[in-house]
Amino acid sequence: MKASPIRIALIAATLAFATAGTANAAGCFKGAVVGGVAGHYAGHHAVVGAVGGCMVGRHLAKQHAQQEAQQQAAQRQAAPAQ
C-alpha cells in the first residue's frame, strides 16, 4: 500500500498536534514537518521521522528559550541600578 505525500503530511500534522500541548508546541510542528519529509525520502518512514522531528524540535526550542533567559538575566545584572 503506497501512501500519498498529502496523506503522510496529514498524519504527521495530526501526530504533532496530538502529542504536543499548546504550551509545549514550540518547535514541534516545524520539526515534525522536516522529520516527516526526511523520513519519507529515507525509506518511507514519514511517521517515525515526524515524531522524531517533533521531539528534536521541542528540545532545540527549549534550549533556545533557556539561552535567551540566561542572556536576559545577565543583561539585568550588568545594567546599573537607578
C-alpha atoms as a PDB file:
ATOM      1  CA  MET A   1       0.000   0.000   0.000  1.00  0.00           C
ATOM      2  CA  LYS A   2       1.519   3.311  -1.090  1.00  0.00           C
ATOM      3  CA  ALA A   3       0.667   6.399   0.932  1.00  0.00           C
ATOM      4  CA  SER A   4       0.356   9.699  -0.853  1.00  0.00           C
ATOM      5  CA  PRO A   5       2.517  12.613   0.311  1.00  0.00           C
ATOM      6  CA  ILE A   6      -0.610  14.533   1.292  1.00  0.00           C
ATOM      7  CA  ARG A   7      -1.796  11.661   3.481  1.00  0.00           C
ATOM      8  CA  ILE A   8       1.631  11.422   5.090  1.00  0.00           C
ATOM      9  CA  ALA A   9       1.662  15.151   5.786  1.00  0.00           C
ATOM     10  CA  LEU A  10      -1.799  14.973   7.351  1.00  0.00           C
ATOM     11  CA  ILE A  11      -0.763  12.067   9.572  1.00  0.00           C
ATOM     12  CA  ALA A  12       2.394  13.893  10.614  1.00  0.00           C
ATOM     13  CA  ALA A  13       0.473  17.065  11.418  1.00  0.00           C
ATOM     14  CA  THR A  14      -2.123  15.110  13.377  1.00  0.00           C
ATOM     15  CA  LEU A  15       0.579  13.384  15.410  1.00  0.00           C
ATOM     16  CA  ALA A  16       2.341  16.671  16.033  1.00  0.00           C
ATOM     17  CA  PHE A  17      -0.804  18.297  17.365  1.00  0.00           C
ATOM     18  CA  ALA A  18      -1.862  15.231  19.345  1.00  0.00           C
ATOM     19  CA  THR A  19       1.477  14.747  21.096  1.00  0.00           C
ATOM     20  CA  ALA A  20       2.151  18.365  21.992  1.00  0.00           C
ATOM     21  CA  GLY A  21       0.084  20.601  24.203  1.00  0.00           C
ATOM     22  CA  THR A  22      -0.204  24.273  23.414  1.00  0.00           C
ATOM     23  CA  ALA A  23       2.419  25.207  25.999  1.00  0.00           C
ATOM     24  CA  ASN A  24       4.956  22.680  24.684  1.00  0.00           C
ATOM     25  CA  ALA A  25       4.383  23.078  20.967  1.00  0.00           C
ATOM     26  CA  ALA A  26       7.374  25.327  20.328  1.00  0.00           C
ATOM     27  CA  GLY A  27       9.462  23.750  17.588  1.00  0.00           C
ATOM     28  CA  CYS A  28       7.326  20.614  17.341  1.00  0.00           C
ATOM     29  CA  PHE A  29       5.390  21.428  14.199  1.00  0.00           C
ATOM     30  CA  LYS A  30       8.418  22.614  12.245  1.00  0.00           C
ATOM     31  CA  GLY A  31      10.447  19.616  13.393  1.00  0.00           C
ATOM     32  CA  ALA A  32       7.620  17.220  12.544  1.00  0.00           C
ATOM     33  CA  VAL A  33       7.350  18.561   9.004  1.00  0.00           C
ATOM     34  CA  VAL A  34      11.097  18.384   8.399  1.00  0.00           C
ATOM     35  CA  GLY A  35      11.376  14.967  10.034  1.00  0.00           C
ATOM     36  CA  GLY A  36       8.379  13.625   8.122  1.00  0.00           C
ATOM     37  CA  VAL A  37       9.783  14.680   4.783  1.00  0.00           C
ATOM     38  CA  ALA A  38      13.236  13.327   5.637  1.00  0.00           C
ATOM     39  CA  GLY A  39      11.760  10.052   6.863  1.00  0.00           C
ATOM     40  CA  HIS A  40       9.658   9.691   3.735  1.00  0.00           C
ATOM     41  CA  TYR A  41      12.634  10.066   1.434  1.00  0.00           C
ATOM     42  CA  ALA A  42      14.883   7.941   3.646  1.00  0.00           C
ATOM     43  CA  GLY A  43      12.776   4.834   3.333  1.00  0.00           C
ATOM     44  CA  HIS A  44       9.078   5.620   3.650  1.00  0.00           C
ATOM     45  CA  HIS A  45       9.249   6.178   7.400  1.00  0.00           C
ATOM     46  CA  ALA A  46       7.475   9.538   7.462  1.00  0.00           C
ATOM     47  CA  VAL A  47       5.572   8.965  10.693  1.00  0.00           C
ATOM     48  CA  VAL A  48       8.685   7.888  12.570  1.00  0.00           C
ATOM     49  CA  GLY A  49      10.532  10.881  11.145  1.00  0.00           C
ATOM     50  CA  ALA A  50       7.728  13.236  12.126  1.00  0.00           C
ATOM     51  CA  VAL A  51       7.675  12.015  15.712  1.00  0.00           C
ATOM     52  CA  GLY A  52      11.457  12.212  15.951  1.00  0.00           C
ATOM     53  CA  GLY A  53      11.486  15.637  14.349  1.00  0.00           C
ATOM     54  CA  CYS A  54       8.882  16.857  16.806  1.00  0.00           C
ATOM     55  CA  MET A  55      10.944  15.690  19.764  1.00  0.00           C
ATOM     56  CA  VAL A  56      14.141  17.233  18.401  1.00  0.00           C
ATOM     57  CA  GLY A  57      12.342  20.481  17.549  1.00  0.00           C
ATOM     58  CA  ARG A  58      10.930  20.758  21.060  1.00  0.00           C
ATOM     59  CA  HIS A  59      14.360  20.057  22.559  1.00  0.00           C
ATOM     60  CA  LEU A  60      16.044  22.727  20.444  1.00  0.00           C
ATOM     61  CA  ALA A  61      13.287  25.260  21.203  1.00  0.00           C
ATOM     62  CA  LYS A  62      13.703  24.590  24.930  1.00  0.00           C
ATOM     63  CA  GLN A  63      17.470  25.105  24.684  1.00  0.00           C
ATOM     64  CA  HIS A  64      16.948  28.350  22.778  1.00  0.00           C
ATOM     65  CA  ALA A  65      14.493  29.633  25.401  1.00  0.00           C
ATOM     66  CA  GLN A  66      16.942  28.800  28.206  1.00  0.00           C
ATOM     67  CA  GLN A  67      19.773  30.631  26.431  1.00  0.00           C
ATOM     68  CA  GLU A  68      17.581  33.699  25.945  1.00  0.00           C
ATOM     69  CA  ALA A  69      16.589  33.650  29.619  1.00  0.00           C
ATOM     70  CA  GLN A  70      20.250  33.459  30.658  1.00  0.00           C
ATOM     71  CA  GLN A  71      21.166  36.358  28.378  1.00  0.00           C
ATOM     72  CA  GLN A  72      18.347  38.494  29.741  1.00  0.00           C
ATOM     73  CA  ALA A  73      19.380  37.689  33.318  1.00  0.00           C
ATOM     74  CA  ALA A  74      22.977  38.631  32.526  1.00  0.00           C
ATOM     75  CA  GLN A  75      21.853  41.915  30.967  1.00  0.00           C
ATOM     76  CA  ARG A  76      19.756  42.752  34.024  1.00  0.00           C
ATOM     77  CA  GLN A  77      22.719  42.111  36.330  1.00  0.00           C
ATOM     78  CA  ALA A  78      25.073  44.160  34.147  1.00  0.00           C
ATOM     79  CA  ALA A  79      22.731  47.147  33.928  1.00  0.00           C
ATOM     80  CA  PRO A  80      23.397  49.791  36.612  1.00  0.00           C
ATOM     81  CA  ALA A  81      20.646  50.178  39.206  1.00  0.00           C
ATOM     82  CA  GLN A  82      18.950  53.550  39.012  1.00  0.00           C
END
